[in-house]
Each structure stands twice: as structure tokens, then as C-alpha cells.
Amino acid sequence: MLPPEQLPPESRELIVKYLIVYSYERPFTLSAIEVATMMILERSYGWSPALCGSSFMVVGGASTIMTGVSSLLISRRWVTESKVFLAASVASLIGVFWLFDWKHFGPGTLLWADAMIYGGVSLSNGVGQGLATRAATKGTHYSIEKYRMHNLMAVNLSRFLGPIAARFVVDFGGRNTYAALQLLVCFMGTCTVYLTVCVLWAGGSGASKPDSSK
């Protein structure tokens, strides 16, 4: 597998485009979780606002652990960035299934789901931004400046729409409808990640080859 810097232009452009799309999906998931979790814990389980807020210590702790372990694995070259990228995205997708209202488990399943989703999406976001930065090419329409501009627009828009959509869905559809929405968004995000790593794994072995004159 070639690193992003050594891929042909067509592959590098694809990576940047896919990761711009991912910039819309990832912040939506995270911002929706922050609002919906508080609403569900307060309404369904009678938790106080203070207790709801402290519950995010569990979510943040899981995210920190996942990031630390993955950084160690990548730094020691036991796994590649692309495998961590895909694994983190799949973990967040699996976590969504615990968002559904499993009657016999109570709020524990909700917090477990949040920990998996938040940790997986946060980790995959960090790896994705690194890959996009390395794939971006100066002087092209997929330069680092263009990527940063699109990424900023995507993050701001998604973080604005995520809480609104989450409140609306939880209010009118309940927890299971909200879980279905997150399942859809996380599935699309995982598909985007898979397409990205497929480009990396292909190593530009298709129609084009790296320019050997550089």
C-alpha cells in the first residue's frame, strides 16, 4: 500500500473528495449524540441535568482510551492508519445498535452506545483529516487550502443541523427513531470510509501510475 503522498493524482483527488463528504457525516453524528443523550436520560430515566452532564465523562474517557491505544498501535507500526480508520468507523456503526431501546438494560446501553460511537467517530475523524492533508496537492482544486475550506463549511453546517434534527426526532419519534437516523448516518459514513481505504489499498494500481519524473 502506497502512502497518500505517493499515489497518482486521480487517487489523491478521490481521497480528498471522499473525506470532504465525511466532514458532513461525522460532525452530524457527534452533535446529535450530545443533545439526544441528555434528552433521553432526562425524559426516559429521570436523570438530573447535573447527572446527565457527568455521564459524558464516561463517553469522553472511552474516546481518550481508544485514541491512545490506536496512536500506540500506529506509532509502533503494528497496524496501518487505513485499518485503524476503517475499524474505528465500523466500531461506531456497531455501537449504533445499542442506541435502540432495549427495555431490560436501561440507560447503560445508551451510554455504552455513545462511548463506542463517540470514540470511534472521533478517532476516525482524526485519521481522516491526516489522510486528507497528506493527499491534498498544492496548486490543484484539491489543495490543502481547498480541503480546509470545505471541511470548515461542512463541520459548521453539520454541527448546526445535528442538534436540531436530534431534538426534532426524539420529540416526535422517540429513541428508536433517533437510533434509526443515527444508523443511517453512521452507515453512510462507514461506506465513505470504506471507499477511501479502498483507494489507499489499491495503491494507484489502476489506470494511472505515479509520475516517476518527480
Protein backbone atom coordinates (compact mmCIF):
# COMPACT_ATOMS: atom_id res chain seq x y z
CA MET A 1 0.00 0.00 0.00
CA LEU A 2 1.40 3.38 -1.03
CA PRO A 3 1.16 6.37 1.35
CA PRO A 4 -1.19 9.17 0.18
CA GLU A 5 1.74 11.34 -0.94
CA GLN A 6 2.87 8.74 -3.47
CA LEU A 7 -0.49 7.98 -5.02
CA PRO A 8 -1.32 9.21 -8.54
CA PRO A 9 -3.27 12.48 -8.85
CA GLU A 10 -6.59 10.77 -9.57
CA SER A 11 -6.37 8.69 -6.39
CA ARG A 12 -5.33 11.64 -4.25
CA GLU A 13 -8.23 13.69 -5.58
CA LEU A 14 -10.66 10.87 -4.76
CA ILE A 15 -9.36 10.64 -1.20
CA VAL A 16 -9.82 14.36 -0.63
CA LYS A 17 -13.33 14.29 -2.12
CA TYR A 18 -14.40 11.33 -0.01
CA LEU A 19 -13.06 12.94 3.15
CA ILE A 20 -14.88 16.19 2.40
CA VAL A 21 -18.09 14.15 2.26
CA TYR A 22 -17.11 12.52 5.55
CA SER A 23 -16.75 16.00 7.03
CA TYR A 24 -20.52 16.37 6.69
CA GLU A 25 -21.36 12.99 8.22
CA ARG A 26 -19.04 12.89 11.24
CA PRO A 27 -19.98 16.20 12.99
CA PHE A 28 -23.68 15.49 12.49
CA THR A 29 -23.34 12.24 14.42
CA LEU A 30 -21.38 13.80 17.27
CA SER A 31 -23.54 16.89 17.73
CA ALA A 32 -26.74 14.83 17.59
CA ILE A 33 -25.43 12.50 20.31
CA GLU A 34 -24.68 15.38 22.66
CA VAL A 35 -28.25 16.67 22.52
CA ALA A 36 -30.22 13.43 22.20
CA THR A 37 -28.44 11.70 25.09
CA MET A 38 -29.33 14.49 27.50
CA MET A 39 -32.97 14.46 26.37
CA ILE A 40 -33.35 10.68 26.63
CA LEU A 41 -31.69 10.42 30.04
CA GLU A 42 -33.85 13.23 31.45
CA ARG A 43 -37.17 12.15 29.92
CA SER A 44 -36.95 8.38 29.94
CA TYR A 45 -34.90 7.76 33.08
CA GLY A 46 -35.47 10.89 35.18
CA TRP A 47 -31.81 11.84 35.44
CA SER A 48 -30.97 15.33 36.69
CA PRO A 49 -29.17 17.75 34.34
CA ALA A 50 -26.05 17.51 36.52
CA LEU A 51 -26.01 13.71 36.35
CA CYS A 52 -26.61 13.80 32.61
CA GLY A 53 -23.64 16.10 32.18
CA SER A 54 -21.38 13.91 34.28
CA SER A 55 -22.31 10.90 32.16
CA PHE A 56 -20.24 12.35 29.35
CA MET A 57 -17.16 11.70 31.44
CA VAL A 58 -17.69 8.04 30.53
CA VAL A 59 -18.04 8.89 26.86
CA GLY A 60 -15.00 11.17 26.86
CA GLY A 61 -12.96 8.61 28.77
CA ALA A 62 -13.73 5.89 26.22
CA SER A 63 -12.78 8.23 23.39
CA THR A 64 -9.47 9.07 25.09
CA ILE A 65 -8.63 5.39 25.62
CA MET A 66 -9.44 4.47 22.01
CA THR A 67 -7.32 7.33 20.74
CA GLY A 68 -4.39 6.45 22.99
CA VAL A 69 -4.40 2.75 22.09
CA SER A 70 -4.72 3.48 18.37
CA SER A 71 -1.92 6.04 18.47
CA LEU A 72 0.32 3.47 20.13
CA LEU A 73 -0.52 0.83 17.53
CA ILE A 74 0.11 3.20 14.64
CA SER A 75 3.34 4.64 16.09
CA ARG A 76 4.76 1.13 16.55
CA ARG A 77 3.56 0.21 13.06
CA TRP A 78 1.58 -2.77 14.30
CA VAL A 79 -1.36 -1.60 12.22
CA THR A 80 -1.75 0.89 9.38
CA GLU A 81 -3.68 4.14 9.51
CA SER A 82 -6.16 2.85 6.96
CA LYS A 83 -7.02 -0.21 9.09
CA VAL A 84 -7.50 1.94 12.18
CA PHE A 85 -9.62 4.32 10.10
CA LEU A 86 -11.93 1.53 8.92
CA ALA A 87 -12.01 -0.29 12.28
CA ALA A 88 -12.98 2.88 14.16
CA SER A 89 -15.76 3.60 11.70
CA VAL A 90 -17.10 0.03 11.92
CA ALA A 91 -16.97 0.21 15.74
CA SER A 92 -19.11 3.35 15.70
CA LEU A 93 -21.59 1.66 13.34
CA ILE A 94 -21.86 -1.36 15.65
CA GLY A 95 -22.34 0.96 18.60
CA VAL A 96 -25.44 2.47 17.00
CA PHE A 97 -27.37 -0.77 17.55
CA TRP A 98 -27.13 -0.14 21.31
CA LEU A 99 -28.91 3.18 20.84
CA PHE A 100 -32.18 1.34 20.31
CA ASP A 101 -34.44 0.97 23.32
CA TRP A 102 -33.50 -2.39 24.83
CA LYS A 103 -36.04 -2.49 27.67
CA HIS A 104 -34.11 -4.71 30.06
CA PHE A 105 -30.84 -2.81 30.04
CA GLY A 106 -31.83 0.73 30.99
CA PRO A 107 -29.59 3.77 30.44
CA GLY A 108 -26.44 1.63 30.43
CA THR A 109 -26.92 0.64 26.80
CA LEU A 110 -27.34 4.28 25.80
CA LEU A 111 -24.06 5.28 27.44
CA TRP A 112 -22.28 2.24 26.03
CA ALA A 113 -23.53 3.17 22.55
CA ASP A 114 -22.42 6.78 23.00
CA ALA A 115 -18.96 5.65 24.12
CA MET A 116 -18.49 3.41 21.08
CA ILE A 117 -19.90 5.91 18.60
CA TYR A 118 -18.21 8.99 20.02
CA GLY A 119 -14.88 7.24 20.43
CA GLY A 120 -14.97 5.59 17.02
CA VAL A 121 -16.10 8.67 15.13
CA SER A 122 -13.63 10.96 16.91
CA LEU A 123 -10.77 8.60 16.16
CA SER A 124 -11.73 8.11 12.53
CA ASN A 125 -12.09 11.86 12.14
CA GLY A 126 -8.52 12.44 13.30
CA VAL A 127 -7.11 9.78 10.98
CA GLY A 128 -9.26 11.03 8.10
CA GLN A 129 -8.07 14.60 8.44
CA GLY A 130 -4.48 13.40 8.45
CA LEU A 131 -5.01 11.36 5.28
CA ALA A 132 -6.76 14.23 3.51
CA THR A 133 -3.97 16.64 4.43
CA ARG A 134 -1.37 14.24 3.04
CA ALA A 135 -3.36 13.55 -0.13
CA ALA A 136 -4.03 17.23 -0.90
CA THR A 137 -1.82 18.65 -3.64
CA LYS A 138 -0.64 22.24 -3.93
CA GLY A 139 -1.81 24.16 -6.99
CA THR A 140 -4.81 21.91 -7.69
CA HIS A 141 -8.51 22.14 -6.94
CA TYR A 142 -7.92 19.59 -4.18
CA SER A 143 -5.17 21.55 -2.44
CA ILE A 144 -4.88 21.75 1.34
CA GLU A 145 -6.45 25.22 1.28
CA LYS A 146 -9.48 23.97 -0.66
CA TYR A 147 -9.82 20.96 1.62
CA ARG A 148 -9.66 23.10 4.77
CA MET A 149 -12.27 25.49 3.38
CA HIS A 150 -14.72 22.69 2.50
CA ASN A 151 -14.02 20.91 5.78
CA LEU A 152 -14.76 24.04 7.81
CA MET A 153 -18.01 24.66 5.93
CA ALA A 154 -19.08 21.03 6.38
CA VAL A 155 -18.30 20.93 10.10
CA ASN A 156 -20.14 24.18 10.84
CA LEU A 157 -23.21 23.18 8.82
CA SER A 158 -23.42 19.68 10.30
CA ARG A 159 -22.89 20.85 13.87
CA PHE A 160 -25.68 23.38 13.34
CA LEU A 161 -28.14 20.87 11.87
CA GLY A 162 -27.28 17.90 14.13
CA PRO A 163 -28.81 19.18 17.40
CA ILE A 164 -31.90 20.50 15.60
CA ALA A 165 -32.52 17.19 13.86
CA ALA A 166 -31.84 15.20 17.04
CA ARG A 167 -34.29 17.22 19.17
CA PHE A 168 -36.98 17.02 16.49
CA VAL A 169 -36.60 13.26 16.02
CA VAL A 170 -36.51 12.46 19.74
CA ASP A 171 -39.52 14.72 20.39
CA PHE A 172 -41.73 13.31 17.66
CA GLY A 173 -40.33 9.87 17.01
CA GLY A 174 -38.72 8.74 20.24
CA ARG A 175 -35.47 6.95 20.95
CA ASN A 176 -35.83 4.22 18.32
CA THR A 177 -36.47 6.70 15.53
CA TYR A 178 -33.43 8.69 16.63
CA ALA A 179 -31.39 5.46 16.65
CA ALA A 180 -32.57 4.68 13.12
CA LEU A 181 -31.44 8.13 11.97
CA GLN A 182 -28.00 7.62 13.54
CA LEU A 183 -27.80 4.17 11.97
CA LEU A 184 -28.39 5.68 8.55
CA VAL A 185 -25.81 8.44 9.01
CA CYS A 186 -23.18 6.11 10.50
CA PHE A 187 -23.76 3.58 7.72
CA MET A 188 -23.18 6.28 5.11
CA GLY A 189 -20.07 7.41 6.98
CA THR A 190 -18.71 3.86 7.10
CA CYS A 191 -19.33 3.48 3.36
CA THR A 192 -17.38 6.68 2.73
CA VAL A 193 -14.51 5.44 4.89
CA TYR A 194 -14.51 2.09 3.08
CA LEU A 195 -14.31 3.80 -0.31
CA THR A 196 -11.41 5.90 0.96
CA VAL A 197 -9.39 2.97 2.25
CA CYS A 198 -10.08 1.04 -0.96
CA VAL A 199 -8.29 3.82 -2.85
CA LEU A 200 -5.38 3.57 -0.42
CA TRP A 201 -5.22 -0.22 -0.60
CA ALA A 202 -5.36 -0.18 -4.39
CA GLY A 203 -2.23 1.93 -4.28
CA GLY A 204 -3.00 3.57 -7.59
CA SER A 205 -2.68 0.23 -9.37
CA GLY A 206 -5.44 1.05 -11.80
CA ALA A 207 -5.17 3.01 -14.99
CA SER A 208 -2.73 5.60 -13.70
CA LYS A 209 0.74 5.31 -12.13
CA PRO A 210 2.77 7.71 -10.03
CA ASP A 211 4.82 10.17 -12.03
CA SER A 212 8.36 8.81 -11.88
CA SER A 213 9.82 12.08 -13.16
CA LYS A 214 9.09 13.79 -9.82
